[in-house]
Amino acid sequence: MLTPAQLRAQHHTFKSLLVFSSMMTRMIGAQDVIVLILHANGDKLRGRSMIQKLAYFWSLSISCIENASFKFRYDGPYSAEIRYALSRTLARELVDENTRAGPLYDQYHYQIVEEAGDFVKAVADRHQDEFKQIKHIIDTCKESSSFQYEELSHATIAHRVYNRMPKEVRTKSADVILKDALSLGWNVEREKIQNGIKLLEKLGLLP
């Protein structure tokens, strides 16, 4: 007979398989993901890395993104397919890119062009459920004061570290996640890791 802990683990596994199966049937192209991310934020967004982090959250909880896989770098997840798709939206003149000088480095600002309005509406109509979900993610980040590069970076790293832990010792302790993240070479701060954990819980990404 299974113990209560084993039953909970089994239930979580079955639930995860059902979610994954549902996500696979709703696979979406990376270019549409970028368009919907921008559209959900008032047709604009600041930062390439912000797009990468939000696309990562998309892949975790909304649907699979066609041909997109994420590798973790110094600041969290990065997908070459997302970067390539962003270049395609620029080449098709769906999105405008502007560079503005920042205190440490130049910042990229993205804006859906007015002429792309009909195209964007068609994408949003075709993916209504997904659009609602990414808007919910963005709104939750804003409500949690986490809609910033460093905050999302810490949240994605916290998620990565948490899921690397063996299930039997997995914990949402900020101190443990911080220690593991530092040991893996990430330059992270405890307060931002704690904020990231809270955000992940609100998004339903930490069981």
N, C-alpha and C. Protein backbone atom coordinates (compact mmCIF):
# COMPACT_ATOMS: atom_id res chain seq x y z
N MET A 1 0.85 -1.19 0.00
CA MET A 1 0.00 0.00 0.00
C MET A 1 0.89 1.25 0.00
N LEU A 2 0.50 2.23 -0.81
CA LEU A 2 1.28 3.45 -0.90
C LEU A 2 1.06 4.34 0.31
N THR A 3 2.11 5.03 0.71
CA THR A 3 2.01 5.98 1.81
C THR A 3 1.33 7.25 1.29
N PRO A 4 0.82 8.12 2.19
CA PRO A 4 0.22 9.38 1.75
C PRO A 4 1.17 10.21 0.89
N ALA A 5 2.45 10.23 1.26
CA ALA A 5 3.44 11.00 0.49
C ALA A 5 3.59 10.43 -0.91
N GLN A 6 3.60 9.09 -1.01
CA GLN A 6 3.73 8.46 -2.32
C GLN A 6 2.49 8.70 -3.18
N LEU A 7 1.32 8.69 -2.53
CA LEU A 7 0.08 8.96 -3.25
C LEU A 7 0.07 10.39 -3.80
N ARG A 8 0.55 11.34 -2.97
CA ARG A 8 0.61 12.73 -3.44
C ARG A 8 1.57 12.86 -4.61
N ALA A 9 2.71 12.17 -4.51
CA ALA A 9 3.70 12.22 -5.59
C ALA A 9 3.13 11.61 -6.87
N GLN A 10 2.40 10.49 -6.71
CA GLN A 10 1.80 9.83 -7.86
C GLN A 10 0.75 10.73 -8.51
N HIS A 11 -0.07 11.37 -7.66
CA HIS A 11 -1.09 12.28 -8.17
C HIS A 11 -0.46 13.43 -8.93
N HIS A 12 0.64 13.97 -8.38
CA HIS A 12 1.33 15.08 -9.04
C HIS A 12 1.90 14.62 -10.38
N THR A 13 2.43 13.39 -10.44
CA THR A 13 2.98 12.87 -11.69
C THR A 13 1.89 12.73 -12.75
N PHE A 14 0.74 12.15 -12.36
CA PHE A 14 -0.37 12.00 -13.29
C PHE A 14 -0.85 13.37 -13.78
N LYS A 15 -0.95 14.32 -12.85
CA LYS A 15 -1.41 15.66 -13.21
C LYS A 15 -0.43 16.31 -14.18
N SER A 16 0.86 16.13 -13.93
CA SER A 16 1.88 16.71 -14.81
C SER A 16 1.79 16.11 -16.21
N LEU A 17 1.55 14.80 -16.29
CA LEU A 17 1.43 14.14 -17.59
C LEU A 17 0.22 14.65 -18.36
N LEU A 18 -0.88 14.88 -17.65
CA LEU A 18 -2.08 15.40 -18.30
C LEU A 18 -1.84 16.81 -18.82
N VAL A 19 -1.17 17.63 -18.01
CA VAL A 19 -0.86 19.00 -18.42
C VAL A 19 0.05 18.99 -19.63
N PHE A 20 1.09 18.13 -19.60
CA PHE A 20 2.03 18.06 -20.71
C PHE A 20 1.33 17.61 -21.99
N SER A 21 0.44 16.61 -21.87
CA SER A 21 -0.30 16.12 -23.03
C SER A 21 -1.15 17.23 -23.62
N SER A 22 -1.81 18.00 -22.76
CA SER A 22 -2.64 19.11 -23.22
C SER A 22 -1.80 20.17 -23.91
N MET A 23 -0.61 20.46 -23.34
CA MET A 23 0.27 21.47 -23.92
C MET A 23 0.77 21.04 -25.29
N MET A 24 1.06 19.75 -25.45
CA MET A 24 1.57 19.26 -26.72
C MET A 24 0.54 19.43 -27.83
N THR A 25 -0.74 19.26 -27.49
CA THR A 25 -1.78 19.39 -28.51
C THR A 25 -2.02 20.85 -28.87
N ARG A 26 -1.48 21.78 -28.08
CA ARG A 26 -1.68 23.20 -28.34
C ARG A 26 -0.37 23.89 -28.70
N MET A 27 0.50 23.19 -29.40
CA MET A 27 1.80 23.77 -29.77
C MET A 27 1.58 25.02 -30.63
N ILE A 28 2.44 26.01 -30.43
CA ILE A 28 2.30 27.30 -31.11
C ILE A 28 3.66 27.74 -31.63
N GLY A 29 3.66 28.49 -32.71
CA GLY A 29 4.91 28.99 -33.27
C GLY A 29 5.52 30.08 -32.42
N ALA A 30 6.85 30.16 -32.43
CA ALA A 30 7.56 31.13 -31.59
C ALA A 30 7.22 32.57 -31.97
N GLN A 31 7.02 32.82 -33.25
CA GLN A 31 6.69 34.19 -33.67
C GLN A 31 5.35 34.63 -33.10
N ASP A 32 4.38 33.73 -33.10
CA ASP A 32 3.07 34.06 -32.52
C ASP A 32 3.20 34.31 -31.02
N VAL A 33 4.06 33.55 -30.36
CA VAL A 33 4.28 33.74 -28.92
C VAL A 33 4.80 35.15 -28.65
N ILE A 34 5.77 35.58 -29.43
CA ILE A 34 6.35 36.92 -29.24
C ILE A 34 5.29 38.00 -29.47
N VAL A 35 4.53 37.84 -30.53
CA VAL A 35 3.48 38.82 -30.84
C VAL A 35 2.47 38.89 -29.69
N LEU A 36 2.08 37.75 -29.16
CA LEU A 36 1.08 37.73 -28.09
C LEU A 36 1.65 38.26 -26.77
N ILE A 37 2.92 38.02 -26.51
CA ILE A 37 3.55 38.59 -25.32
C ILE A 37 3.52 40.11 -25.38
N LEU A 38 3.92 40.65 -26.52
CA LEU A 38 3.90 42.11 -26.68
C LEU A 38 2.48 42.65 -26.60
N HIS A 39 1.56 41.97 -27.27
CA HIS A 39 0.17 42.42 -27.30
C HIS A 39 -0.44 42.41 -25.90
N ALA A 40 -0.07 41.42 -25.10
CA ALA A 40 -0.61 41.32 -23.74
C ALA A 40 -0.05 42.40 -22.82
N ASN A 41 1.01 43.05 -23.26
CA ASN A 41 1.61 44.13 -22.47
C ASN A 41 1.41 45.48 -23.15
N GLY A 42 0.28 45.64 -23.80
CA GLY A 42 0.00 46.92 -24.45
C GLY A 42 0.77 47.14 -25.72
N ASP A 43 1.11 46.03 -26.41
CA ASP A 43 1.81 46.06 -27.71
C ASP A 43 3.27 46.51 -27.61
N LYS A 44 3.84 46.45 -26.42
CA LYS A 44 5.24 46.88 -26.28
C LYS A 44 5.90 46.14 -25.13
N LEU A 45 7.24 46.13 -25.16
CA LEU A 45 8.00 45.51 -24.08
C LEU A 45 9.44 45.99 -24.17
N ARG A 46 10.05 46.12 -23.02
CA ARG A 46 11.44 46.56 -22.97
C ARG A 46 12.34 45.37 -22.63
N GLY A 47 13.26 45.07 -23.52
CA GLY A 47 14.28 44.08 -23.21
C GLY A 47 14.11 42.74 -23.90
N ARG A 48 15.17 42.31 -24.58
CA ARG A 48 15.18 40.98 -25.19
C ARG A 48 15.06 39.90 -24.12
N SER A 49 15.74 40.11 -23.00
CA SER A 49 15.73 39.11 -21.94
C SER A 49 14.34 38.95 -21.34
N MET A 50 13.57 40.03 -21.28
CA MET A 50 12.21 39.94 -20.77
C MET A 50 11.37 39.03 -21.67
N ILE A 51 11.56 39.15 -22.97
CA ILE A 51 10.84 38.28 -23.90
C ILE A 51 11.23 36.83 -23.66
N GLN A 52 12.53 36.58 -23.47
CA GLN A 52 13.00 35.22 -23.22
C GLN A 52 12.38 34.64 -21.94
N LYS A 53 12.35 35.43 -20.87
CA LYS A 53 11.83 34.94 -19.60
C LYS A 53 10.33 34.65 -19.69
N LEU A 54 9.60 35.54 -20.35
CA LEU A 54 8.15 35.34 -20.49
C LEU A 54 7.85 34.16 -21.41
N ALA A 55 8.66 33.98 -22.43
CA ALA A 55 8.48 32.81 -23.30
C ALA A 55 8.76 31.52 -22.52
N TYR A 56 9.72 31.58 -21.61
CA TYR A 56 10.01 30.41 -20.76
C TYR A 56 8.81 30.08 -19.88
N PHE A 57 8.23 31.11 -19.25
CA PHE A 57 7.02 30.88 -18.45
C PHE A 57 5.90 30.31 -19.33
N TRP A 58 5.80 30.83 -20.55
CA TRP A 58 4.80 30.31 -21.49
C TRP A 58 5.00 28.82 -21.68
N SER A 59 6.24 28.41 -21.93
CA SER A 59 6.52 27.00 -22.21
C SER A 59 6.24 26.11 -21.01
N LEU A 60 6.29 26.69 -19.81
CA LEU A 60 6.05 25.91 -18.60
C LEU A 60 4.57 25.70 -18.33
N SER A 61 3.75 26.69 -18.65
CA SER A 61 2.37 26.63 -18.17
C SER A 61 1.28 26.84 -19.22
N ILE A 62 1.65 27.25 -20.42
CA ILE A 62 0.60 27.52 -21.42
C ILE A 62 0.60 26.47 -22.52
N SER A 63 1.68 26.38 -23.26
CA SER A 63 1.76 25.39 -24.33
C SER A 63 3.21 25.23 -24.75
N CYS A 64 3.48 24.16 -25.47
CA CYS A 64 4.80 23.99 -26.05
C CYS A 64 4.98 25.01 -27.18
N ILE A 65 6.21 25.47 -27.35
CA ILE A 65 6.53 26.42 -28.41
C ILE A 65 7.33 25.68 -29.47
N GLU A 66 6.85 25.72 -30.68
CA GLU A 66 7.44 24.94 -31.76
C GLU A 66 8.94 25.22 -31.92
N ASN A 67 9.73 24.15 -31.89
CA ASN A 67 11.19 24.19 -32.10
C ASN A 67 11.96 24.95 -31.02
N ALA A 68 11.30 25.33 -29.95
CA ALA A 68 11.97 26.13 -28.92
C ALA A 68 12.39 25.26 -27.74
N SER A 69 13.67 25.31 -27.44
CA SER A 69 14.19 24.68 -26.23
C SER A 69 15.01 25.74 -25.50
N PHE A 70 15.02 25.65 -24.19
CA PHE A 70 15.68 26.67 -23.39
C PHE A 70 16.92 26.12 -22.70
N LYS A 71 18.00 26.86 -22.81
CA LYS A 71 19.22 26.56 -22.08
C LYS A 71 19.43 27.67 -21.06
N PHE A 72 19.97 27.30 -19.91
CA PHE A 72 20.17 28.31 -18.87
C PHE A 72 21.56 28.92 -18.98
N ARG A 73 21.57 30.25 -18.96
CA ARG A 73 22.81 31.01 -19.01
C ARG A 73 22.98 31.75 -17.69
N TYR A 74 23.84 32.75 -17.71
CA TYR A 74 24.13 33.51 -16.49
C TYR A 74 22.90 34.22 -15.93
N ASP A 75 21.94 34.56 -16.80
CA ASP A 75 20.77 35.32 -16.33
C ASP A 75 19.47 34.55 -16.46
N GLY A 76 19.57 33.24 -16.66
CA GLY A 76 18.35 32.44 -16.76
C GLY A 76 18.18 31.81 -18.13
N PRO A 77 16.94 31.48 -18.49
CA PRO A 77 16.69 30.72 -19.72
C PRO A 77 16.86 31.54 -20.99
N TYR A 78 17.38 30.85 -22.02
CA TYR A 78 17.56 31.47 -23.33
C TYR A 78 17.23 30.44 -24.40
N SER A 79 16.45 30.85 -25.39
CA SER A 79 16.12 29.99 -26.52
C SER A 79 16.56 30.66 -27.81
N ALA A 80 17.37 29.94 -28.58
CA ALA A 80 17.81 30.47 -29.87
C ALA A 80 16.62 30.65 -30.81
N GLU A 81 15.63 29.76 -30.70
CA GLU A 81 14.45 29.86 -31.56
C GLU A 81 13.65 31.12 -31.25
N ILE A 82 13.54 31.47 -29.98
CA ILE A 82 12.85 32.72 -29.62
C ILE A 82 13.60 33.92 -30.17
N ARG A 83 14.92 33.89 -30.06
CA ARG A 83 15.73 35.00 -30.61
C ARG A 83 15.57 35.09 -32.12
N TYR A 84 15.56 33.94 -32.79
CA TYR A 84 15.40 33.91 -34.24
C TYR A 84 14.00 34.40 -34.63
N ALA A 85 13.00 33.99 -33.87
CA ALA A 85 11.63 34.41 -34.15
C ALA A 85 11.48 35.92 -33.98
N LEU A 86 12.17 36.47 -32.99
CA LEU A 86 12.13 37.92 -32.81
C LEU A 86 12.73 38.62 -34.03
N SER A 87 13.81 38.07 -34.54
CA SER A 87 14.42 38.64 -35.75
C SER A 87 13.45 38.57 -36.93
N ARG A 88 12.68 37.50 -37.01
CA ARG A 88 11.71 37.36 -38.10
C ARG A 88 10.59 38.40 -37.99
N THR A 89 10.15 38.67 -36.77
CA THR A 89 9.10 39.69 -36.62
C THR A 89 9.62 41.06 -37.03
N LEU A 90 10.90 41.31 -36.78
CA LEU A 90 11.49 42.58 -37.19
C LEU A 90 11.63 42.64 -38.71
N ALA A 91 12.07 41.53 -39.30
CA ALA A 91 12.24 41.49 -40.76
C ALA A 91 10.91 41.65 -41.48
N ARG A 92 9.85 41.12 -40.89
CA ARG A 92 8.52 41.23 -41.49
C ARG A 92 7.85 42.57 -41.17
N GLU A 93 8.56 43.39 -40.41
CA GLU A 93 8.08 44.72 -40.02
C GLU A 93 6.76 44.65 -39.24
N LEU A 94 6.66 43.61 -38.41
CA LEU A 94 5.52 43.51 -37.50
C LEU A 94 5.82 44.26 -36.21
N VAL A 95 7.11 44.30 -35.88
CA VAL A 95 7.56 44.90 -34.63
C VAL A 95 8.70 45.86 -34.93
N ASP A 96 8.72 46.96 -34.20
CA ASP A 96 9.78 47.95 -34.33
C ASP A 96 10.73 47.81 -33.15
N GLU A 97 12.03 47.89 -33.41
CA GLU A 97 13.04 47.79 -32.36
C GLU A 97 13.80 49.10 -32.25
N ASN A 98 13.87 49.61 -31.02
CA ASN A 98 14.65 50.81 -30.75
C ASN A 98 15.64 50.53 -29.64
N THR A 99 16.80 51.12 -29.74
CA THR A 99 17.83 50.96 -28.72
C THR A 99 17.99 52.27 -27.95
N ARG A 100 17.95 52.15 -26.64
CA ARG A 100 18.12 53.33 -25.80
C ARG A 100 19.25 53.08 -24.81
N ALA A 101 20.03 54.10 -24.60
CA ALA A 101 21.18 53.97 -23.71
C ALA A 101 20.71 53.80 -22.27
N GLY A 102 21.26 52.81 -21.59
CA GLY A 102 20.96 52.59 -20.18
C GLY A 102 22.17 52.92 -19.33
N PRO A 103 22.04 52.83 -18.01
CA PRO A 103 23.15 53.17 -17.12
C PRO A 103 24.36 52.25 -17.29
N LEU A 104 24.10 50.98 -17.63
CA LEU A 104 25.20 50.02 -17.78
C LEU A 104 25.32 49.49 -19.20
N TYR A 105 24.20 49.39 -19.90
CA TYR A 105 24.21 48.85 -21.26
C TYR A 105 22.98 49.36 -22.01
N ASP A 106 23.04 49.24 -23.32
CA ASP A 106 21.90 49.67 -24.14
C ASP A 106 20.70 48.76 -23.90
N GLN A 107 19.52 49.33 -23.95
CA GLN A 107 18.29 48.57 -23.76
C GLN A 107 17.49 48.55 -25.05
N TYR A 108 16.95 47.39 -25.34
CA TYR A 108 16.14 47.22 -26.54
C TYR A 108 14.66 47.37 -26.19
N HIS A 109 13.98 48.20 -26.95
CA HIS A 109 12.55 48.43 -26.76
C HIS A 109 11.81 47.94 -28.00
N TYR A 110 10.74 47.19 -27.76
CA TYR A 110 9.99 46.61 -28.87
C TYR A 110 8.55 47.11 -28.85
N GLN A 111 8.05 47.43 -30.04
CA GLN A 111 6.70 47.96 -30.18
C GLN A 111 6.06 47.36 -31.43
N ILE A 112 4.87 46.80 -31.28
CA ILE A 112 4.13 46.33 -32.45
C ILE A 112 3.74 47.54 -33.29
N VAL A 113 4.02 47.48 -34.58
CA VAL A 113 3.73 48.63 -35.44
C VAL A 113 2.23 48.70 -35.71
N GLU A 114 1.76 49.90 -35.94
CA GLU A 114 0.32 50.12 -36.14
C GLU A 114 -0.22 49.32 -37.32
N GLU A 115 0.60 49.21 -38.37
CA GLU A 115 0.16 48.52 -39.58
C GLU A 115 -0.05 47.02 -39.36
N ALA A 116 0.49 46.49 -38.27
CA ALA A 116 0.36 45.06 -37.99
C ALA A 116 -0.88 44.74 -37.15
N GLY A 117 -1.72 45.74 -36.93
CA GLY A 117 -2.88 45.57 -36.06
C GLY A 117 -3.78 44.42 -36.46
N ASP A 118 -4.09 44.31 -37.75
CA ASP A 118 -4.98 43.24 -38.21
C ASP A 118 -4.34 41.87 -38.01
N PHE A 119 -3.04 41.80 -38.28
CA PHE A 119 -2.32 40.53 -38.10
C PHE A 119 -2.33 40.11 -36.63
N VAL A 120 -2.05 41.06 -35.76
CA VAL A 120 -2.01 40.77 -34.32
C VAL A 120 -3.38 40.33 -33.82
N LYS A 121 -4.42 41.01 -34.28
CA LYS A 121 -5.78 40.64 -33.88
C LYS A 121 -6.11 39.22 -34.33
N ALA A 122 -5.68 38.87 -35.53
CA ALA A 122 -5.95 37.52 -36.04
C ALA A 122 -5.23 36.47 -35.20
N VAL A 123 -3.99 36.76 -34.80
CA VAL A 123 -3.24 35.82 -33.96
C VAL A 123 -3.92 35.69 -32.59
N ALA A 124 -4.32 36.82 -32.02
CA ALA A 124 -4.98 36.79 -30.71
C ALA A 124 -6.32 36.06 -30.77
N ASP A 125 -7.05 36.24 -31.86
CA ASP A 125 -8.33 35.54 -32.02
C ASP A 125 -8.12 34.04 -32.17
N ARG A 126 -7.05 33.68 -32.85
CA ARG A 126 -6.76 32.26 -33.09
C ARG A 126 -6.28 31.57 -31.82
N HIS A 127 -5.69 32.33 -30.92
CA HIS A 127 -5.14 31.76 -29.69
C HIS A 127 -5.71 32.50 -28.47
N GLN A 128 -7.01 32.54 -28.38
CA GLN A 128 -7.65 33.32 -27.32
C GLN A 128 -7.28 32.82 -25.92
N ASP A 129 -7.31 31.52 -25.72
CA ASP A 129 -6.99 30.97 -24.40
C ASP A 129 -5.55 31.27 -24.01
N GLU A 130 -4.64 31.08 -24.97
CA GLU A 130 -3.23 31.33 -24.69
C GLU A 130 -2.98 32.80 -24.39
N PHE A 131 -3.68 33.67 -25.13
CA PHE A 131 -3.52 35.11 -24.90
C PHE A 131 -3.98 35.48 -23.49
N LYS A 132 -5.10 34.93 -23.06
CA LYS A 132 -5.59 35.20 -21.71
C LYS A 132 -4.58 34.73 -20.66
N GLN A 133 -3.96 33.59 -20.93
CA GLN A 133 -3.02 33.04 -19.95
C GLN A 133 -1.73 33.86 -19.86
N ILE A 134 -1.20 34.29 -21.01
CA ILE A 134 0.03 35.08 -20.93
C ILE A 134 -0.26 36.46 -20.34
N LYS A 135 -1.45 36.98 -20.60
CA LYS A 135 -1.82 38.26 -19.97
C LYS A 135 -1.92 38.09 -18.46
N HIS A 136 -2.45 36.95 -18.03
CA HIS A 136 -2.52 36.67 -16.59
C HIS A 136 -1.12 36.60 -15.99
N ILE A 137 -0.20 35.96 -16.68
CA ILE A 137 1.18 35.86 -16.19
C ILE A 137 1.79 37.25 -16.06
N ILE A 138 1.63 38.07 -17.09
CA ILE A 138 2.20 39.41 -17.07
C ILE A 138 1.55 40.25 -15.97
N ASP A 139 0.24 40.18 -15.86
CA ASP A 139 -0.46 40.95 -14.81
C ASP A 139 -0.03 40.50 -13.42
N THR A 140 0.16 39.20 -13.24
CA THR A 140 0.60 38.68 -11.94
C THR A 140 2.01 39.18 -11.61
N CYS A 141 2.87 39.20 -12.62
CA CYS A 141 4.23 39.74 -12.41
C CYS A 141 4.18 41.20 -11.99
N LYS A 142 3.32 41.96 -12.64
CA LYS A 142 3.20 43.38 -12.31
C LYS A 142 2.64 43.58 -10.90
N GLU A 143 1.61 42.81 -10.57
CA GLU A 143 1.00 42.92 -9.24
C GLU A 143 1.99 42.54 -8.15
N SER A 144 2.94 41.68 -8.48
CA SER A 144 3.94 41.23 -7.51
C SER A 144 5.21 42.08 -7.57
N SER A 145 5.16 43.18 -8.31
CA SER A 145 6.33 44.06 -8.49
C SER A 145 7.53 43.27 -9.03
N SER A 146 7.24 42.31 -9.90
CA SER A 146 8.29 41.44 -10.43
C SER A 146 8.46 41.56 -11.94
N PHE A 147 7.81 42.56 -12.53
CA PHE A 147 7.89 42.69 -13.99
C PHE A 147 9.12 43.50 -14.38
N GLN A 148 10.27 42.95 -13.98
CA GLN A 148 11.56 43.57 -14.26
C GLN A 148 12.56 42.46 -14.58
N TYR A 149 13.58 42.84 -15.31
CA TYR A 149 14.56 41.86 -15.77
C TYR A 149 15.16 41.04 -14.63
N GLU A 150 15.68 41.71 -13.60
CA GLU A 150 16.36 40.98 -12.53
C GLU A 150 15.40 40.11 -11.73
N GLU A 151 14.19 40.60 -11.52
CA GLU A 151 13.21 39.82 -10.76
C GLU A 151 12.82 38.55 -11.52
N LEU A 152 12.56 38.69 -12.81
CA LEU A 152 12.19 37.51 -13.60
C LEU A 152 13.37 36.56 -13.76
N SER A 153 14.56 37.13 -13.85
CA SER A 153 15.76 36.29 -13.93
C SER A 153 15.89 35.43 -12.68
N HIS A 154 15.71 36.03 -11.51
CA HIS A 154 15.80 35.28 -10.26
C HIS A 154 14.69 34.23 -10.16
N ALA A 155 13.49 34.59 -10.61
CA ALA A 155 12.38 33.64 -10.54
C ALA A 155 12.64 32.42 -11.42
N THR A 156 13.15 32.64 -12.62
CA THR A 156 13.41 31.51 -13.51
C THR A 156 14.56 30.64 -12.98
N ILE A 157 15.56 31.28 -12.39
CA ILE A 157 16.67 30.52 -11.81
C ILE A 157 16.17 29.71 -10.61
N ALA A 158 15.32 30.32 -9.79
CA ALA A 158 14.75 29.59 -8.64
C ALA A 158 13.97 28.37 -9.12
N HIS A 159 13.22 28.54 -10.20
CA HIS A 159 12.46 27.42 -10.76
C HIS A 159 13.39 26.32 -11.23
N ARG A 160 14.46 26.71 -11.90
CA ARG A 160 15.43 25.73 -12.41
C ARG A 160 16.09 24.96 -11.26
N VAL A 161 16.53 25.69 -10.25
CA VAL A 161 17.20 25.05 -9.11
C VAL A 161 16.25 24.11 -8.39
N TYR A 162 15.03 24.57 -8.16
CA TYR A 162 14.03 23.75 -7.47
C TYR A 162 13.80 22.43 -8.20
N ASN A 163 13.69 22.50 -9.51
CA ASN A 163 13.39 21.29 -10.28
C ASN A 163 14.60 20.40 -10.50
N ARG A 164 15.79 20.90 -10.17
CA ARG A 164 16.99 20.05 -10.21
C ARG A 164 17.12 19.19 -8.96
N MET A 165 16.43 19.59 -7.90
CA MET A 165 16.54 18.87 -6.64
C MET A 165 15.88 17.50 -6.74
N PRO A 166 16.44 16.49 -6.08
CA PRO A 166 15.75 15.20 -5.99
C PRO A 166 14.39 15.40 -5.32
N LYS A 167 13.36 14.73 -5.81
CA LYS A 167 12.01 14.96 -5.32
C LYS A 167 11.88 14.75 -3.82
N GLU A 168 12.64 13.79 -3.29
CA GLU A 168 12.49 13.47 -1.87
C GLU A 168 13.04 14.57 -0.96
N VAL A 169 13.88 15.46 -1.49
CA VAL A 169 14.43 16.53 -0.65
C VAL A 169 14.08 17.91 -1.21
N ARG A 170 13.18 17.94 -2.17
CA ARG A 170 12.83 19.21 -2.81
C ARG A 170 12.19 20.16 -1.79
N THR A 171 12.65 21.41 -1.81
CA THR A 171 12.15 22.40 -0.86
C THR A 171 12.06 23.77 -1.51
N LYS A 172 11.13 24.57 -1.01
CA LYS A 172 10.98 25.94 -1.51
C LYS A 172 11.69 26.95 -0.60
N SER A 173 12.57 26.45 0.24
CA SER A 173 13.33 27.33 1.12
C SER A 173 14.23 28.25 0.31
N ALA A 174 14.11 29.55 0.55
CA ALA A 174 14.94 30.52 -0.17
C ALA A 174 16.41 30.31 0.12
N ASP A 175 16.72 29.94 1.36
CA ASP A 175 18.13 29.74 1.74
C ASP A 175 18.74 28.56 0.99
N VAL A 176 17.97 27.49 0.87
CA VAL A 176 18.48 26.30 0.17
C VAL A 176 18.63 26.59 -1.32
N ILE A 177 17.62 27.21 -1.91
CA ILE A 177 17.68 27.52 -3.34
C ILE A 177 18.80 28.51 -3.62
N LEU A 178 18.97 29.49 -2.74
CA LEU A 178 20.06 30.46 -2.90
C LEU A 178 21.42 29.75 -2.87
N LYS A 179 21.60 28.88 -1.89
CA LYS A 179 22.87 28.16 -1.76
C LYS A 179 23.16 27.32 -3.00
N ASP A 180 22.14 26.60 -3.48
CA ASP A 180 22.33 25.76 -4.66
C ASP A 180 22.61 26.61 -5.90
N ALA A 181 21.90 27.73 -6.02
CA ALA A 181 22.10 28.60 -7.19
C ALA A 181 23.52 29.18 -7.20
N LEU A 182 23.98 29.60 -6.04
CA LEU A 182 25.35 30.13 -5.95
C LEU A 182 26.38 29.05 -6.27
N SER A 183 26.12 27.83 -5.81
CA SER A 183 27.06 26.74 -6.07
C SER A 183 27.11 26.38 -7.55
N LEU A 184 26.03 26.69 -8.27
CA LEU A 184 25.98 26.42 -9.70
C LEU A 184 26.50 27.59 -10.54
N GLY A 185 26.95 28.64 -9.85
CA GLY A 185 27.59 29.75 -10.54
C GLY A 185 26.73 30.95 -10.84
N TRP A 186 25.48 30.94 -10.37
CA TRP A 186 24.62 32.10 -10.61
C TRP A 186 24.86 33.17 -9.56
N ASN A 187 24.90 34.40 -10.01
CA ASN A 187 25.08 35.55 -9.11
C ASN A 187 23.69 36.04 -8.70
N VAL A 188 23.20 35.53 -7.58
CA VAL A 188 21.83 35.81 -7.17
C VAL A 188 21.80 36.39 -5.75
N GLU A 189 20.66 37.02 -5.44
CA GLU A 189 20.47 37.63 -4.13
C GLU A 189 19.31 36.96 -3.41
N ARG A 190 19.44 36.83 -2.10
CA ARG A 190 18.42 36.11 -1.34
C ARG A 190 17.04 36.75 -1.46
N GLU A 191 16.97 38.07 -1.33
CA GLU A 191 15.67 38.74 -1.37
C GLU A 191 14.98 38.52 -2.71
N LYS A 192 15.75 38.59 -3.78
CA LYS A 192 15.16 38.40 -5.12
C LYS A 192 14.78 36.93 -5.34
N ILE A 193 15.55 36.02 -4.77
CA ILE A 193 15.17 34.60 -4.84
C ILE A 193 13.86 34.38 -4.09
N GLN A 194 13.74 34.99 -2.91
CA GLN A 194 12.51 34.86 -2.14
C GLN A 194 11.32 35.43 -2.91
N ASN A 195 11.53 36.59 -3.52
CA ASN A 195 10.46 37.19 -4.33
C ASN A 195 10.11 36.29 -5.52
N GLY A 196 11.14 35.69 -6.09
CA GLY A 196 10.92 34.79 -7.22
C GLY A 196 10.10 33.57 -6.83
N ILE A 197 10.37 33.03 -5.65
CA ILE A 197 9.61 31.88 -5.15
C ILE A 197 8.14 32.25 -4.97
N LYS A 198 7.90 33.42 -4.39
CA LYS A 198 6.52 33.87 -4.20
C LYS A 198 5.80 34.05 -5.53
N LEU A 199 6.51 34.60 -6.52
CA LEU A 199 5.91 34.76 -7.84
C LEU A 199 5.58 33.41 -8.46
N LEU A 200 6.51 32.48 -8.38
CA LEU A 200 6.29 31.15 -8.94
C LEU A 200 5.09 30.47 -8.28
N GLU A 201 4.94 30.67 -6.99
CA GLU A 201 3.78 30.09 -6.29
C GLU A 201 2.48 30.70 -6.81
N LYS A 202 2.48 32.01 -7.01
CA LYS A 202 1.28 32.67 -7.52
C LYS A 202 0.94 32.20 -8.94
N LEU A 203 1.98 31.88 -9.70
CA LEU A 203 1.77 31.41 -11.06
C LEU A 203 1.49 29.91 -11.13
N GLY A 204 1.53 29.26 -9.98
CA GLY A 204 1.28 27.82 -9.95
C GLY A 204 2.41 27.00 -10.52
N LEU A 205 3.63 27.53 -10.47
CA LEU A 205 4.77 26.84 -11.05
C LEU A 205 5.65 26.14 -10.01
N LEU A 206 5.28 26.27 -8.75
CA LEU A 206 5.95 25.50 -7.69
C LEU A 206 4.87 24.70 -6.97
N PRO A 207 4.87 23.38 -7.12
CA PRO A 207 3.82 22.56 -6.49
C PRO A 207 3.93 22.55 -4.97
